[in-house]
């Protein structure tokens, strides 16, 4: 499957999602109208993270989130009677520049991805986020792309834009 996609957000920033054919990874890039320290915090602070992660139609409850090297997390997203749970481990947390963590949807156990997020300070006080997600196989990567993850990423980052603009993140 070839996917070189970009989706537009309401903040004139674009999330670029690239999945090269035959490779078991996805690369995403997104810029934010806020300093990297605030964008980093929004990814590691459970109260802020719960307000923006994923599609707009879902509510999120953080069961635990220890954003530190060696820490772990679990959160549940709900839509009516439906629940979707996710978990993982933090392999490296270097504030405010890098997070390396696993991500697993409990509805598909054993399909673990490894995400490396790099927060880059831009000269104008903004932040560029680069995420490299590695999957166990091309099939697992393709399943993630087919799950609607692009919509969830785009909607989540638009929600994060609003939190950053309001000062709530």
N, C-alpha and C. Protein backbone atom coordinates (compact mmCIF):
# COMPACT_ATOMS: atom_id res chain seq x y z
N UNK A 1 0.85 -1.17 0.00
CA UNK A 1 0.00 0.00 0.00
C UNK A 1 0.89 1.23 0.00
N UNK A 2 0.59 2.14 -0.83
CA UNK A 2 1.31 3.40 -0.89
C UNK A 2 0.45 4.47 -0.27
N UNK A 3 1.00 5.21 0.63
CA UNK A 3 0.25 6.31 1.23
C UNK A 3 1.19 7.46 1.46
N UNK A 4 1.12 8.44 0.63
CA UNK A 4 1.80 9.71 0.86
C UNK A 4 0.68 10.71 0.98
N UNK A 5 0.30 11.01 2.20
CA UNK A 5 -0.91 11.75 2.46
C UNK A 5 -0.62 12.99 3.27
N UNK A 6 -1.39 14.02 3.05
CA UNK A 6 -1.37 15.15 3.97
C UNK A 6 -2.80 15.61 4.17
N UNK A 7 -3.11 15.95 5.38
CA UNK A 7 -4.44 16.42 5.75
C UNK A 7 -4.29 17.83 6.29
N UNK A 8 -5.25 18.68 6.03
CA UNK A 8 -5.19 20.05 6.48
C UNK A 8 -5.90 20.19 7.81
N UNK A 9 -5.33 20.95 8.70
CA UNK A 9 -5.99 21.25 9.97
C UNK A 9 -6.52 22.67 9.92
N UNK A 10 -7.30 23.03 10.92
CA UNK A 10 -7.89 24.36 10.96
C UNK A 10 -6.88 25.44 11.29
N UNK A 11 -5.72 25.11 11.76
CA UNK A 11 -4.72 26.10 12.17
C UNK A 11 -3.71 26.39 11.07
N UNK A 12 -4.02 26.03 9.85
CA UNK A 12 -3.17 26.21 8.68
C UNK A 12 -1.91 25.36 8.74
N UNK A 13 -1.73 24.58 9.78
CA UNK A 13 -0.65 23.61 9.83
C UNK A 13 -1.18 22.33 9.22
N UNK A 14 -0.28 21.54 8.71
CA UNK A 14 -0.67 20.31 8.02
C UNK A 14 0.02 19.13 8.67
N UNK A 15 -0.73 18.06 8.88
CA UNK A 15 -0.09 16.83 9.32
C UNK A 15 0.25 16.06 8.05
N UNK A 16 1.51 15.74 7.91
CA UNK A 16 1.96 14.97 6.76
C UNK A 16 2.23 13.55 7.22
N UNK A 17 1.59 12.60 6.56
CA UNK A 17 1.73 11.19 6.90
C UNK A 17 2.31 10.49 5.68
N UNK A 18 3.45 9.84 5.87
CA UNK A 18 4.12 9.15 4.78
C UNK A 18 4.33 7.69 5.17
N UNK A 19 3.87 6.80 4.30
CA UNK A 19 4.07 5.35 4.49
C UNK A 19 4.65 4.83 3.18
N UNK A 20 5.95 4.62 3.15
CA UNK A 20 6.61 4.17 1.94
C UNK A 20 6.24 2.71 1.64
N UNK A 21 6.00 2.39 0.38
CA UNK A 21 5.61 1.02 0.01
C UNK A 21 6.64 0.00 0.48
N UNK A 22 6.14 -1.07 1.06
CA UNK A 22 7.00 -2.18 1.46
C UNK A 22 7.81 -1.96 2.71
N UNK A 23 7.65 -0.82 3.37
CA UNK A 23 8.42 -0.53 4.58
C UNK A 23 7.49 -0.56 5.80
N UNK A 24 7.93 -1.13 6.93
CA UNK A 24 7.06 -1.27 8.09
C UNK A 24 7.07 -0.05 9.02
N UNK A 25 6.95 1.13 8.45
CA UNK A 25 6.92 2.32 9.29
C UNK A 25 6.05 3.40 8.67
N UNK A 26 5.68 4.35 9.52
CA UNK A 26 4.95 5.55 9.12
C UNK A 26 5.72 6.73 9.69
N UNK A 27 5.90 7.77 8.88
CA UNK A 27 6.50 9.02 9.36
C UNK A 27 5.44 10.11 9.31
N UNK A 28 5.34 10.86 10.40
CA UNK A 28 4.39 11.97 10.48
C UNK A 28 5.15 13.22 10.89
N UNK A 29 4.74 14.34 10.31
CA UNK A 29 5.32 15.64 10.65
C UNK A 29 4.17 16.63 10.82
N UNK A 30 4.26 17.45 11.85
CA UNK A 30 3.21 18.45 12.12
C UNK A 30 3.84 19.62 12.85
N UNK A 31 3.46 20.84 12.48
CA UNK A 31 3.95 22.03 13.18
C UNK A 31 2.83 22.61 14.03
N UNK A 32 3.23 23.27 15.12
CA UNK A 32 2.29 23.85 16.08
C UNK A 32 2.67 25.30 16.34
N UNK A 33 1.66 26.11 16.62
CA UNK A 33 1.84 27.53 16.91
C UNK A 33 2.11 27.73 18.41
N UNK A 34 3.09 27.00 18.92
CA UNK A 34 3.44 27.08 20.34
C UNK A 34 4.88 26.59 20.50
N UNK A 35 5.54 27.00 21.57
CA UNK A 35 6.90 26.53 21.83
C UNK A 35 6.93 25.02 22.09
N UNK A 36 8.05 24.40 21.79
CA UNK A 36 8.15 22.94 21.94
C UNK A 36 7.91 22.48 23.37
N UNK A 37 8.27 23.31 24.36
CA UNK A 37 8.05 22.90 25.76
C UNK A 37 6.56 22.66 26.02
N UNK A 38 5.71 23.49 25.46
CA UNK A 38 4.26 23.34 25.66
C UNK A 38 3.71 22.15 24.88
N UNK A 39 4.22 21.95 23.67
CA UNK A 39 3.77 20.81 22.86
C UNK A 39 4.23 19.51 23.51
N UNK A 40 5.46 19.49 24.00
CA UNK A 40 5.98 18.32 24.71
C UNK A 40 5.12 18.01 25.93
N UNK A 41 4.84 19.05 26.73
CA UNK A 41 4.02 18.87 27.95
C UNK A 41 2.65 18.30 27.60
N UNK A 42 2.05 18.77 26.50
CA UNK A 42 0.74 18.29 26.10
C UNK A 42 0.75 16.81 25.74
N UNK A 43 1.90 16.28 25.37
CA UNK A 43 2.03 14.86 25.06
C UNK A 43 2.33 14.02 26.30
N UNK A 44 2.79 14.65 27.38
CA UNK A 44 3.23 13.91 28.55
C UNK A 44 2.40 14.15 29.81
N UNK A 45 1.62 15.20 29.84
CA UNK A 45 0.78 15.51 31.00
C UNK A 45 -0.57 14.83 30.81
N UNK A 46 -0.93 13.89 31.68
CA UNK A 46 -2.16 13.12 31.47
C UNK A 46 -3.43 13.96 31.38
N UNK A 47 -3.51 15.04 32.16
CA UNK A 47 -4.72 15.88 32.11
C UNK A 47 -4.87 16.56 30.76
N UNK A 48 -3.78 17.05 30.22
CA UNK A 48 -3.83 17.72 28.91
C UNK A 48 -4.02 16.68 27.81
N UNK A 49 -3.27 15.60 27.86
CA UNK A 49 -3.32 14.55 26.84
C UNK A 49 -4.76 14.03 26.65
N UNK A 50 -5.48 13.84 27.74
CA UNK A 50 -6.85 13.32 27.67
C UNK A 50 -7.79 14.25 26.93
N UNK A 51 -7.46 15.53 26.89
CA UNK A 51 -8.34 16.52 26.25
C UNK A 51 -8.21 16.56 24.73
N UNK A 52 -7.14 16.01 24.17
CA UNK A 52 -6.94 16.17 22.74
C UNK A 52 -6.69 14.89 21.95
N UNK A 53 -6.31 13.81 22.59
CA UNK A 53 -5.90 12.63 21.85
C UNK A 53 -7.06 11.98 21.09
N UNK A 54 -6.84 11.71 19.84
CA UNK A 54 -7.79 10.93 19.03
C UNK A 54 -8.93 11.70 18.43
N UNK A 55 -9.84 10.96 17.80
CA UNK A 55 -10.99 11.58 17.12
C UNK A 55 -11.86 12.39 18.08
N UNK A 56 -12.46 13.44 17.55
CA UNK A 56 -13.29 14.35 18.34
C UNK A 56 -14.48 13.65 19.00
N UNK A 57 -15.00 12.60 18.38
CA UNK A 57 -16.21 11.94 18.88
C UNK A 57 -15.94 11.07 20.13
N UNK A 58 -14.68 10.86 20.45
CA UNK A 58 -14.33 9.99 21.58
C UNK A 58 -13.96 10.80 22.81
N UNK A 59 -14.36 10.29 23.97
CA UNK A 59 -13.88 10.86 25.24
C UNK A 59 -12.78 9.94 25.75
N UNK A 60 -11.82 10.52 26.44
CA UNK A 60 -10.64 9.76 26.88
C UNK A 60 -10.48 9.83 28.39
N UNK A 61 -10.23 8.68 28.99
CA UNK A 61 -9.91 8.57 30.41
C UNK A 61 -8.51 7.98 30.52
N UNK A 62 -7.64 8.66 31.23
CA UNK A 62 -6.28 8.15 31.46
C UNK A 62 -6.33 7.32 32.74
N UNK A 63 -6.05 6.04 32.63
CA UNK A 63 -6.00 5.19 33.82
C UNK A 63 -4.69 5.40 34.58
N UNK A 64 -3.59 5.46 33.86
CA UNK A 64 -2.32 5.87 34.44
C UNK A 64 -1.40 6.32 33.32
N UNK A 65 -0.52 7.24 33.65
CA UNK A 65 0.43 7.76 32.67
C UNK A 65 1.64 8.29 33.43
N UNK A 66 2.72 7.55 33.35
CA UNK A 66 3.99 7.93 33.97
C UNK A 66 4.96 8.24 32.84
N UNK A 67 4.92 9.47 32.34
CA UNK A 67 5.76 9.86 31.21
C UNK A 67 7.18 10.12 31.69
N UNK A 68 7.89 9.03 31.91
CA UNK A 68 9.29 9.06 32.32
C UNK A 68 9.95 7.82 31.76
N UNK A 69 11.25 7.86 31.59
CA UNK A 69 11.96 6.68 31.11
C UNK A 69 11.66 5.52 32.06
N UNK A 70 11.14 4.42 31.51
CA UNK A 70 10.76 3.26 32.32
C UNK A 70 9.31 3.28 32.77
N UNK A 71 8.59 4.35 32.50
CA UNK A 71 7.19 4.46 32.90
C UNK A 71 6.26 3.75 31.91
N UNK A 72 4.99 3.80 32.22
CA UNK A 72 3.99 3.16 31.36
C UNK A 72 2.72 4.00 31.34
N UNK A 73 1.79 3.60 30.50
CA UNK A 73 0.51 4.30 30.41
C UNK A 73 -0.58 3.33 29.97
N UNK A 74 -1.80 3.72 30.26
CA UNK A 74 -2.99 3.05 29.73
C UNK A 74 -4.10 4.09 29.71
N UNK A 75 -4.80 4.17 28.57
CA UNK A 75 -5.95 5.05 28.48
C UNK A 75 -7.06 4.35 27.73
N UNK A 76 -8.29 4.80 28.00
CA UNK A 76 -9.48 4.23 27.39
C UNK A 76 -10.25 5.35 26.71
N UNK A 77 -10.65 5.10 25.47
CA UNK A 77 -11.49 6.05 24.75
C UNK A 77 -12.87 5.43 24.60
N UNK A 78 -13.89 6.30 24.73
CA UNK A 78 -15.27 5.82 24.71
C UNK A 78 -16.10 6.61 23.72
N UNK A 79 -17.02 5.88 23.11
CA UNK A 79 -18.06 6.46 22.26
C UNK A 79 -19.32 5.65 22.55
N UNK A 80 -20.22 6.25 23.34
CA UNK A 80 -21.42 5.51 23.74
C UNK A 80 -21.03 4.28 24.55
N UNK A 81 -21.48 3.13 24.12
CA UNK A 81 -21.20 1.85 24.81
C UNK A 81 -19.85 1.24 24.39
N UNK A 82 -19.22 1.80 23.38
CA UNK A 82 -17.98 1.24 22.85
C UNK A 82 -16.76 1.80 23.57
N UNK A 83 -15.83 0.91 23.90
CA UNK A 83 -14.58 1.30 24.55
C UNK A 83 -13.40 0.79 23.73
N UNK A 84 -12.35 1.61 23.69
CA UNK A 84 -11.12 1.26 23.00
C UNK A 84 -9.97 1.57 23.95
N UNK A 85 -9.23 0.55 24.34
CA UNK A 85 -8.16 0.74 25.32
C UNK A 85 -6.79 0.63 24.64
N UNK A 86 -5.84 1.43 25.13
CA UNK A 86 -4.49 1.48 24.59
C UNK A 86 -3.50 1.47 25.75
N UNK A 87 -2.34 0.88 25.51
CA UNK A 87 -1.31 0.82 26.55
C UNK A 87 0.07 0.84 25.94
N UNK A 88 1.05 1.10 26.79
CA UNK A 88 2.42 1.08 26.30
C UNK A 88 3.41 1.43 27.39
N UNK A 89 4.67 1.46 26.99
CA UNK A 89 5.78 1.76 27.89
C UNK A 89 6.60 2.90 27.32
N UNK A 90 7.10 3.73 28.22
CA UNK A 90 8.00 4.81 27.83
C UNK A 90 9.43 4.28 27.92
N UNK A 91 10.11 4.20 26.80
CA UNK A 91 11.49 3.73 26.77
C UNK A 91 12.48 4.85 27.01
N UNK A 92 12.12 6.05 26.57
CA UNK A 92 12.97 7.22 26.79
C UNK A 92 12.09 8.46 26.82
N UNK A 93 12.28 9.28 27.82
CA UNK A 93 11.62 10.59 27.89
C UNK A 93 12.72 11.60 28.21
N UNK A 94 13.03 12.45 27.22
CA UNK A 94 14.05 13.48 27.36
C UNK A 94 13.35 14.82 27.14
N UNK A 95 13.04 15.50 28.24
CA UNK A 95 12.30 16.76 28.16
C UNK A 95 13.20 17.88 27.66
N UNK A 96 12.79 18.71 26.74
CA UNK A 96 11.51 18.75 26.02
C UNK A 96 11.64 18.29 24.56
N UNK A 97 12.56 17.35 24.31
CA UNK A 97 12.91 17.09 22.92
C UNK A 97 12.55 15.72 22.35
N UNK A 98 12.34 14.70 23.20
CA UNK A 98 12.20 13.36 22.62
C UNK A 98 11.43 12.42 23.54
N UNK A 99 10.57 11.61 22.92
CA UNK A 99 9.87 10.53 23.62
C UNK A 99 9.93 9.29 22.74
N UNK A 100 10.38 8.18 23.32
CA UNK A 100 10.36 6.89 22.64
C UNK A 100 9.46 5.99 23.47
N UNK A 101 8.42 5.44 22.81
CA UNK A 101 7.42 4.66 23.55
C UNK A 101 6.78 3.61 22.67
N UNK A 102 6.21 2.60 23.31
CA UNK A 102 5.42 1.63 22.57
C UNK A 102 3.97 2.05 22.61
N UNK A 103 3.20 1.53 21.66
CA UNK A 103 1.77 1.82 21.56
C UNK A 103 1.09 0.54 21.12
N UNK A 104 0.08 0.13 21.89
CA UNK A 104 -0.64 -1.10 21.56
C UNK A 104 -2.13 -0.90 21.78
N UNK A 105 -2.93 -1.21 20.78
CA UNK A 105 -4.39 -1.23 20.91
C UNK A 105 -4.75 -2.57 21.52
N UNK A 106 -5.40 -2.56 22.66
CA UNK A 106 -5.71 -3.81 23.35
C UNK A 106 -6.69 -4.69 22.56
N UNK A 107 -7.41 -4.09 21.61
CA UNK A 107 -8.31 -4.86 20.75
C UNK A 107 -7.58 -5.70 19.71
N UNK A 108 -6.28 -5.45 19.55
CA UNK A 108 -5.44 -6.21 18.63
C UNK A 108 -4.12 -6.53 19.34
N UNK A 109 -4.20 -7.35 20.40
CA UNK A 109 -3.01 -7.61 21.21
C UNK A 109 -1.88 -8.21 20.39
N UNK A 110 -0.67 -7.82 20.75
CA UNK A 110 0.51 -8.33 20.08
C UNK A 110 0.97 -7.48 18.92
N UNK A 111 0.15 -6.54 18.49
CA UNK A 111 0.54 -5.61 17.42
C UNK A 111 1.07 -4.33 18.06
N UNK A 112 2.32 -4.37 18.43
CA UNK A 112 2.94 -3.27 19.16
C UNK A 112 3.77 -2.44 18.19
N UNK A 113 3.58 -1.12 18.25
CA UNK A 113 4.41 -0.23 17.45
C UNK A 113 5.38 0.49 18.38
N UNK A 114 6.49 0.91 17.83
CA UNK A 114 7.47 1.70 18.56
C UNK A 114 7.49 3.09 17.94
N UNK A 115 7.16 4.09 18.74
CA UNK A 115 7.07 5.47 18.27
C UNK A 115 8.22 6.29 18.83
N UNK A 116 8.90 7.00 17.95
CA UNK A 116 9.92 7.96 18.36
C UNK A 116 9.42 9.34 17.96
N UNK A 117 9.15 10.17 18.96
CA UNK A 117 8.65 11.53 18.73
C UNK A 117 9.77 12.52 19.05
N UNK A 118 10.05 13.38 18.08
CA UNK A 118 11.08 14.41 18.25
C UNK A 118 10.41 15.77 18.16
N UNK A 119 10.61 16.58 19.19
CA UNK A 119 10.03 17.92 19.29
C UNK A 119 11.13 18.92 18.96
N UNK A 120 10.96 19.66 17.87
CA UNK A 120 12.00 20.55 17.37
C UNK A 120 11.56 22.00 17.55
N UNK A 121 12.38 22.78 18.24
CA UNK A 121 12.10 24.21 18.42
C UNK A 121 12.43 24.93 17.12
N UNK A 122 11.46 25.68 16.60
CA UNK A 122 11.66 26.47 15.40
C UNK A 122 12.06 27.89 15.79
N UNK A 123 12.78 28.61 14.93
CA UNK A 123 13.28 29.95 15.28
C UNK A 123 12.19 30.96 15.63
N UNK A 124 10.98 30.74 15.14
CA UNK A 124 9.90 31.69 15.38
C UNK A 124 9.07 31.37 16.62
N UNK A 125 9.58 30.49 17.49
CA UNK A 125 8.86 30.15 18.72
C UNK A 125 7.83 29.06 18.54
N UNK A 126 7.79 28.47 17.37
CA UNK A 126 6.87 27.38 17.10
C UNK A 126 7.58 26.06 17.31
N UNK A 127 6.84 24.96 17.08
CA UNK A 127 7.40 23.61 17.27
C UNK A 127 7.05 22.74 16.07
N UNK A 128 8.02 21.95 15.64
CA UNK A 128 7.75 20.90 14.65
C UNK A 128 7.88 19.57 15.37
N UNK A 129 6.87 18.74 15.21
CA UNK A 129 6.86 17.39 15.79
C UNK A 129 7.09 16.40 14.66
N UNK A 130 8.08 15.55 14.82
CA UNK A 130 8.35 14.48 13.86
C UNK A 130 8.19 13.15 14.60
N UNK A 131 7.35 12.28 14.06
CA UNK A 131 7.08 10.98 14.67
C UNK A 131 7.44 9.88 13.67
N UNK A 132 8.24 8.94 14.12
CA UNK A 132 8.59 7.76 13.33
C UNK A 132 8.00 6.55 14.06
N UNK A 133 7.01 5.91 13.44
CA UNK A 133 6.35 4.74 14.03
C UNK A 133 6.80 3.49 13.29
N UNK A 134 7.36 2.54 14.03
CA UNK A 134 7.85 1.30 13.45
C UNK A 134 6.93 0.16 13.87
N UNK A 135 6.57 -0.67 12.90
CA UNK A 135 5.64 -1.78 13.11
C UNK A 135 6.38 -3.09 12.92
N UNK A 136 5.81 -4.17 13.42
CA UNK A 136 6.44 -5.49 13.32
C UNK A 136 6.43 -6.02 11.89
N UNK A 137 5.54 -5.50 11.05
CA UNK A 137 5.46 -5.95 9.66
C UNK A 137 4.77 -4.88 8.82
N UNK A 138 4.90 -5.02 7.52
CA UNK A 138 4.20 -4.11 6.61
C UNK A 138 2.69 -4.31 6.76
N UNK A 139 2.26 -5.55 6.97
CA UNK A 139 0.83 -5.84 7.16
C UNK A 139 0.29 -5.11 8.39
N UNK A 140 1.06 -5.10 9.47
CA UNK A 140 0.62 -4.39 10.69
C UNK A 140 0.56 -2.89 10.43
N UNK A 141 1.54 -2.37 9.71
CA UNK A 141 1.53 -0.95 9.34
C UNK A 141 0.31 -0.63 8.49
N UNK A 142 0.02 -1.48 7.50
CA UNK A 142 -1.11 -1.25 6.62
C UNK A 142 -2.44 -1.32 7.38
N UNK A 143 -2.52 -2.23 8.36
CA UNK A 143 -3.73 -2.32 9.19
C UNK A 143 -3.95 -1.02 9.96
N UNK A 144 -2.87 -0.43 10.45
CA UNK A 144 -2.98 0.85 11.16
C UNK A 144 -3.49 1.93 10.22
N UNK A 145 -2.96 1.99 9.02
CA UNK A 145 -3.41 2.99 8.04
C UNK A 145 -4.89 2.80 7.71
N UNK A 146 -5.33 1.56 7.61
CA UNK A 146 -6.72 1.26 7.26
C UNK A 146 -7.68 1.45 8.43
N UNK A 147 -7.16 1.63 9.63
CA UNK A 147 -8.00 1.76 10.82
C UNK A 147 -8.64 3.14 10.95
N UNK A 148 -8.24 4.07 10.12
CA UNK A 148 -8.72 5.44 10.25
C UNK A 148 -7.80 6.31 11.08
N UNK A 149 -6.57 5.86 11.29
CA UNK A 149 -5.64 6.61 12.13
C UNK A 149 -5.38 8.01 11.61
N UNK A 150 -5.43 8.21 10.29
CA UNK A 150 -5.19 9.54 9.74
C UNK A 150 -6.21 10.55 10.25
N UNK A 151 -7.47 10.14 10.28
CA UNK A 151 -8.53 11.02 10.79
C UNK A 151 -8.32 11.30 12.27
N UNK A 152 -8.00 10.26 13.05
CA UNK A 152 -7.77 10.44 14.47
C UNK A 152 -6.61 11.37 14.76
N UNK A 153 -5.52 11.22 14.01
CA UNK A 153 -4.35 12.08 14.19
C UNK A 153 -4.71 13.52 13.85
N UNK A 154 -5.35 13.73 12.70
CA UNK A 154 -5.70 15.08 12.27
C UNK A 154 -6.65 15.76 13.26
N UNK A 155 -7.72 15.05 13.65
CA UNK A 155 -8.67 15.64 14.59
C UNK A 155 -8.03 15.89 15.95
N UNK A 156 -7.20 14.97 16.41
CA UNK A 156 -6.52 15.15 17.68
C UNK A 156 -5.63 16.38 17.68
N UNK A 157 -4.87 16.56 16.62
CA UNK A 157 -3.98 17.71 16.56
C UNK A 157 -4.74 19.02 16.40
N UNK A 158 -5.90 19.00 15.76
CA UNK A 158 -6.72 20.22 15.71
C UNK A 158 -7.22 20.56 17.12
N UNK A 159 -7.57 19.53 17.90
CA UNK A 159 -7.99 19.77 19.28
C UNK A 159 -6.82 20.32 20.11
N UNK A 160 -5.62 19.78 19.85
CA UNK A 160 -4.43 20.28 20.55
C UNK A 160 -4.16 21.73 20.16
N UNK A 161 -4.32 22.07 18.88
CA UNK A 161 -4.17 23.47 18.46
C UNK A 161 -5.05 24.39 19.29
N UNK A 162 -6.32 23.99 19.49
CA UNK A 162 -7.26 24.82 20.24
C UNK A 162 -6.80 24.96 21.69
N UNK A 163 -6.34 23.89 22.31
CA UNK A 163 -5.85 23.96 23.69
C UNK A 163 -4.63 24.87 23.80
N UNK A 164 -3.72 24.75 22.85
CA UNK A 164 -2.52 25.58 22.86
C UNK A 164 -2.89 27.06 22.67
N UNK A 165 -3.84 27.34 21.77
CA UNK A 165 -4.24 28.72 21.51
C UNK A 165 -4.96 29.33 22.72
N UNK A 166 -5.70 28.52 23.47
CA UNK A 166 -6.45 29.02 24.62
C UNK A 166 -5.59 29.15 25.88
N UNK A 167 -4.39 28.56 25.84
CA UNK A 167 -3.53 28.57 27.02
C UNK A 167 -3.81 27.43 27.98
N UNK A 168 -4.70 26.49 27.57
CA UNK A 168 -5.02 25.34 28.42
C UNK A 168 -4.03 24.20 28.27
N UNK A 169 -3.01 24.42 27.48
CA UNK A 169 -1.96 23.38 27.30
C UNK A 169 -0.61 24.06 27.31
